Amino acid sequence: MRLKGKVALVTGATRGCGRSIAEIFAAEGAKVVLGGRTVERGHKNVQIIRDAGGEAMFVPLDVTDEESAKAAVAATVEAYGPITTLVNNAAPTQLITKTFKPTADLSLADWNQILHGTLTSAFFMAKYAIPHMLAGGGGSIINISSGGSSTGVRNLSAYNAGKAGINSLTRSIAIEYGEHGIRCNTIIVGRVISYQVDRERRPGKEMLMRPGGPRDIGNAALYLASDEADWVTGSELTADGGARFNGSSG
């Protein structure tokens, strides 16, 4: 098993990519804590993992609240010991949809909420996880970003700016803590279909002629969490099916 002995905290793990990351990590031997706001769905996902022979627990988590982030990290350490893997996957999806508008039409509140939910939230999680990684001798932080962080996407300026900040935060953490055995990397995500569809019959702008699914992102995260990526830090791993070559992004 590629993650045997690892302790992973995955944010936004009640659905989509976060859920798949948690399931894949558990199947590979990690003890996984699923963090999220939807309690019923979180416990259901934990039961699915346990039924498959994995070890997992759920913690209520609002990544935009510093005390909630601190509590989730503390609960993880109390249950399983020092965190070795943090996946910053959560994003304010509903807020992003509501603020889909040109830059000049955004209010300051819109702008601040999006940046808080995409960038500041990742800072909260890293801030409280890093001391435990230091105590445990190292670890891996995986930040989920978007193709829009580098190419831009119309009507998503705040979100794009937040994800560009995530990429920069990744590099800063990698530089600051590499000597202590902490790696930090970003996954640049393209178009992902999170619900059950016939993906092979829905070609888009991807070079591979299909949108991604949550497991595609989960497999990328698995590599970065594993010891196979022990010499990989400060990097941006793009998982978009080649969409960036055709002028598309996530």
Protein backbone atom coordinates (compact mmCIF):
# COMPACT_ATOMS: atom_id res chain seq x y z
CA MET A 1 0.00 0.00 0.00
CA ARG A 2 1.39 3.36 -1.09
CA LEU A 3 0.16 5.39 1.91
CA LYS A 4 0.51 2.88 4.73
CA GLY A 5 1.27 4.73 7.95
CA LYS A 6 0.12 8.11 6.62
CA VAL A 7 -2.44 10.33 8.34
CA ALA A 8 -4.38 12.51 5.90
CA LEU A 9 -6.80 15.39 6.41
CA VAL A 10 -8.84 16.19 3.30
CA THR A 11 -10.98 19.33 3.18
CA GLY A 12 -14.18 19.50 1.16
CA ALA A 13 -14.37 15.71 1.38
CA THR A 14 -18.12 15.26 1.39
CA ARG A 15 -18.42 15.14 -2.41
CA GLY A 16 -16.63 15.37 -5.74
CA CYS A 17 -12.85 15.39 -5.88
CA GLY A 18 -12.46 15.56 -2.09
CA ARG A 19 -14.51 12.43 -1.60
CA SER A 20 -12.52 10.54 -4.25
CA ILE A 21 -9.21 11.68 -2.77
CA ALA A 22 -10.30 10.42 0.65
CA GLU A 23 -11.47 7.07 -0.74
CA ILE A 24 -8.28 6.51 -2.73
CA PHE A 25 -6.05 7.49 0.19
CA ALA A 26 -7.88 5.10 2.51
CA ALA A 27 -7.69 2.27 -0.03
CA GLU A 28 -3.93 2.83 -0.14
CA GLY A 29 -3.58 2.45 3.62
CA ALA A 30 -3.85 5.99 5.01
CA LYS A 31 -5.90 6.90 8.05
CA VAL A 32 -8.14 9.59 6.59
CA VAL A 33 -10.07 12.43 8.17
CA LEU A 34 -12.81 13.82 5.96
CA GLY A 35 -13.54 17.48 6.66
CA GLY A 36 -16.64 19.24 5.41
CA ARG A 37 -19.81 21.14 6.19
CA THR A 38 -22.40 18.52 5.20
CA VAL A 39 -22.42 16.27 8.25
CA GLU A 40 -24.80 13.58 6.99
CA ARG A 41 -22.94 13.14 3.73
CA GLY A 42 -19.61 13.14 5.55
CA HIS A 43 -20.61 10.28 7.85
CA LYS A 44 -22.02 8.38 4.88
CA ASN A 45 -18.71 8.68 3.04
CA VAL A 46 -16.83 7.50 6.12
CA GLN A 47 -19.05 4.43 6.30
CA ILE A 48 -18.37 3.65 2.63
CA ILE A 49 -14.63 3.78 3.33
CA ARG A 50 -14.95 1.59 6.42
CA ASP A 51 -17.11 -0.93 4.57
CA ALA A 52 -14.30 -1.20 2.02
CA GLY A 53 -11.81 -1.96 4.79
CA GLY A 54 -10.34 1.51 5.21
CA GLU A 55 -9.90 3.64 8.32
CA ALA A 56 -11.59 7.04 8.38
CA MET A 57 -13.51 9.56 10.45
CA PHE A 58 -15.46 12.75 9.75
CA VAL A 59 -14.96 16.17 11.33
CA PRO A 60 -17.25 19.15 10.76
CA LEU A 61 -15.15 21.80 9.02
CA ASP A 62 -15.75 25.27 7.64
CA VAL A 63 -12.39 26.19 6.13
CA THR A 64 -13.33 29.88 6.09
CA ASP A 65 -13.43 29.90 9.89
CA GLU A 66 -10.02 29.90 11.56
CA GLU A 67 -11.23 28.24 14.76
CA SER A 68 -12.94 25.50 12.75
CA ALA A 69 -9.73 24.85 10.83
CA LYS A 70 -7.74 24.71 14.06
CA ALA A 71 -10.26 22.32 15.63
CA ALA A 72 -10.23 19.98 12.63
CA VAL A 73 -6.45 19.69 12.76
CA ALA A 74 -6.55 19.08 16.51
CA ALA A 75 -9.22 16.37 16.13
CA THR A 76 -7.12 14.64 13.47
CA VAL A 77 -4.02 14.61 15.64
CA GLU A 78 -5.97 13.42 18.68
CA ALA A 79 -7.47 10.50 16.74
CA TYR A 80 -4.55 9.36 14.59
CA GLY A 81 -1.38 11.20 15.57
CA PRO A 82 0.62 13.81 13.63
CA ILE A 83 -0.75 14.76 10.21
CA THR A 84 1.46 13.63 7.36
CA THR A 85 -0.79 14.78 4.50
CA LEU A 86 -3.04 17.81 4.11
CA VAL A 87 -5.20 18.26 1.02
CA ASN A 88 -6.66 21.74 0.63
CA ASN A 89 -9.53 20.89 -1.69
CA ALA A 90 -12.52 22.86 -0.34
CA ALA A 91 -13.82 25.79 -2.38
CA PRO A 92 -16.85 28.11 -1.98
CA THR A 93 -18.70 26.62 -4.95
CA GLN A 94 -22.08 28.24 -4.34
CA LEU A 95 -20.52 31.65 -3.77
CA ILE A 96 -18.48 31.34 -6.97
CA THR A 97 -21.66 30.65 -8.93
CA LYS A 98 -23.43 33.65 -7.38
CA THR A 99 -20.53 35.99 -8.19
CA PHE A 100 -20.06 34.91 -11.81
CA LYS A 101 -19.85 38.43 -13.24
CA PRO A 102 -17.37 40.85 -14.86
CA THR A 103 -14.73 42.38 -12.60
CA ALA A 104 -16.28 45.86 -12.51
CA ASP A 105 -19.58 44.37 -11.37
CA LEU A 106 -18.09 42.66 -8.32
CA SER A 107 -18.70 44.24 -4.95
CA LEU A 108 -15.91 44.44 -2.41
CA ALA A 109 -17.82 41.88 -0.36
CA ASP A 110 -17.89 39.50 -3.36
CA TRP A 111 -14.16 39.93 -3.89
CA ASN A 112 -13.25 39.46 -0.24
CA GLN A 113 -15.49 36.42 0.24
CA ILE A 114 -14.07 34.61 -2.79
CA LEU A 115 -10.46 35.29 -1.80
CA HIS A 116 -11.21 34.30 1.79
CA GLY A 117 -12.80 31.04 0.67
CA THR A 118 -10.09 30.08 -1.82
CA LEU A 119 -6.82 31.48 -0.47
CA THR A 120 -7.17 32.47 3.18
CA SER A 121 -8.85 29.15 3.97
CA ALA A 122 -5.83 27.24 2.64
CA PHE A 123 -3.60 29.44 4.78
CA PHE A 124 -5.69 28.58 7.87
CA MET A 125 -5.34 24.84 7.25
CA ALA A 126 -1.61 25.01 6.52
CA LYS A 127 -0.96 27.28 9.51
CA TYR A 128 -2.31 24.71 11.95
CA ALA A 129 -1.16 21.54 10.18
CA ILE A 130 2.47 22.54 9.66
CA PRO A 131 3.50 22.50 13.35
CA HIS A 132 2.30 18.90 13.64
CA MET A 133 4.13 17.95 10.45
CA LEU A 134 7.28 19.50 11.89
CA ALA A 135 6.82 17.48 15.07
CA GLY A 136 6.34 14.31 13.04
CA GLY A 137 9.40 14.85 10.87
CA GLY A 138 7.75 16.05 7.65
CA GLY A 139 4.73 15.71 5.45
CA SER A 140 3.00 16.64 2.22
CA ILE A 141 0.62 19.54 1.58
CA ILE A 142 -1.41 19.33 -1.61
CA ASN A 143 -3.28 22.43 -2.75
CA ILE A 144 -6.01 22.17 -5.38
CA SER A 145 -5.89 24.99 -7.92
CA SER A 146 -7.35 25.74 -11.35
CA GLY A 147 -6.21 26.41 -14.89
CA GLY A 148 -7.82 29.81 -14.53
CA SER A 149 -5.00 30.76 -12.15
CA SER A 150 -2.68 31.19 -15.12
CA THR A 151 -4.88 31.55 -18.22
CA GLY A 152 -7.80 33.49 -16.77
CA VAL A 153 -11.49 32.69 -17.19
CA ARG A 154 -14.14 35.27 -18.06
CA ASN A 155 -16.31 36.46 -15.13
CA LEU A 156 -14.18 34.67 -12.51
CA SER A 157 -11.53 37.28 -11.73
CA ALA A 158 -11.70 36.90 -7.94
CA TYR A 159 -11.62 33.11 -8.12
CA ASN A 160 -8.74 33.18 -10.61
CA ALA A 161 -6.82 35.60 -8.37
CA GLY A 162 -7.43 33.37 -5.35
CA LYS A 163 -6.15 30.30 -7.15
CA ALA A 164 -3.11 32.20 -8.44
CA GLY A 165 -2.47 33.04 -4.81
CA ILE A 166 -2.71 29.33 -3.98
CA ASN A 167 0.05 28.62 -6.51
CA SER A 168 2.25 31.27 -4.91
CA LEU A 169 1.47 30.06 -1.38
CA THR A 170 2.51 26.57 -2.48
CA ARG A 171 5.94 27.79 -3.56
CA SER A 172 6.42 29.83 -0.39
CA ILE A 173 5.62 26.89 1.89
CA ALA A 174 7.89 24.63 -0.15
CA ILE A 175 10.77 27.09 0.29
CA GLU A 176 10.16 27.74 3.97
CA TYR A 177 9.76 24.15 5.14
CA GLY A 178 11.62 21.96 2.66
CA GLU A 179 14.60 21.63 4.99
CA HIS A 180 12.23 20.16 7.57
CA GLY A 181 10.92 17.47 5.23
CA ILE A 182 7.63 19.18 4.35
CA ARG A 183 6.72 19.12 0.67
CA CYS A 184 4.06 21.39 -0.81
CA ASN A 185 2.63 21.01 -4.31
CA THR A 186 -0.35 22.17 -6.35
CA ILE A 187 -2.66 20.24 -8.64
CA ILE A 188 -3.91 22.44 -11.48
CA VAL A 189 -7.34 21.02 -12.23
CA GLY A 190 -9.18 21.23 -15.55
CA ARG A 191 -12.83 20.50 -16.30
CA VAL A 192 -14.09 17.85 -13.88
CA ILE A 193 -17.49 16.20 -13.99
CA SER A 194 -18.34 15.25 -10.43
CA TYR A 195 -21.50 13.30 -11.10
CA GLN A 196 -22.15 10.04 -12.96
CA VAL A 197 -22.14 10.60 -16.72
CA ASP A 198 -20.89 8.78 -19.77
CA ARG A 199 -17.67 10.79 -19.92
CA GLU A 200 -16.42 9.08 -23.05
CA ARG A 201 -19.39 10.52 -24.96
CA ARG A 202 -18.94 14.09 -23.77
CA PRO A 203 -15.85 15.38 -25.60
CA GLY A 204 -14.77 18.95 -24.94
CA LYS A 205 -11.57 20.88 -25.59
CA GLU A 206 -9.40 18.31 -23.83
CA MET A 207 -6.68 16.67 -25.93
CA LEU A 208 -7.75 13.36 -24.40
CA MET A 209 -11.32 13.98 -25.63
CA ARG A 210 -13.10 13.71 -22.30
CA PRO A 211 -13.58 15.80 -19.19
CA GLY A 212 -11.94 14.59 -16.03
CA GLY A 213 -13.59 12.79 -13.17
CA PRO A 214 -12.93 13.02 -9.43
CA ARG A 215 -10.78 9.88 -9.51
CA ASP A 216 -8.43 11.52 -12.02
CA ILE A 217 -7.69 14.20 -9.44
CA GLY A 218 -7.59 11.62 -6.66
CA ASN A 219 -4.91 9.66 -8.49
CA ALA A 220 -2.81 12.80 -8.98
CA ALA A 221 -3.12 13.56 -5.27
CA LEU A 222 -2.14 9.99 -4.45
CA TYR A 223 1.15 10.41 -6.27
CA LEU A 224 1.97 13.68 -4.49
CA ALA A 225 1.06 12.20 -1.11
CA SER A 226 3.16 9.07 -1.63
CA ASP A 227 6.86 8.53 -1.05
CA GLU A 228 7.20 8.22 -4.84
CA ALA A 229 7.03 12.02 -4.92
CA ASP A 230 9.60 12.41 -2.15
CA TRP A 231 11.75 14.72 -4.33
CA VAL A 232 8.84 16.77 -5.69
CA THR A 233 8.02 20.08 -4.03
CA GLY A 234 6.96 23.57 -5.08
CA SER A 235 5.55 22.10 -8.28
CA GLU A 236 2.32 22.49 -10.25
CA LEU A 237 1.01 19.16 -11.50
CA THR A 238 -1.55 19.85 -14.23
CA ALA A 239 -4.41 17.38 -14.55
CA ASP A 240 -6.63 18.79 -17.30
CA GLY A 241 -6.57 16.20 -20.10
CA GLY A 242 -4.42 18.58 -22.16
CA ALA A 243 -7.09 21.31 -22.28
CA ARG A 244 -4.48 24.04 -21.78
CA PHE A 245 -3.07 23.29 -25.24
CA ASN A 246 -6.44 24.03 -26.79
CA GLY A 247 -7.06 27.33 -25.02
CA SER A 248 -9.31 25.90 -22.31
CA SER A 249 -8.91 25.82 -18.56
CA GLY A 250 -10.63 24.68 -15.37
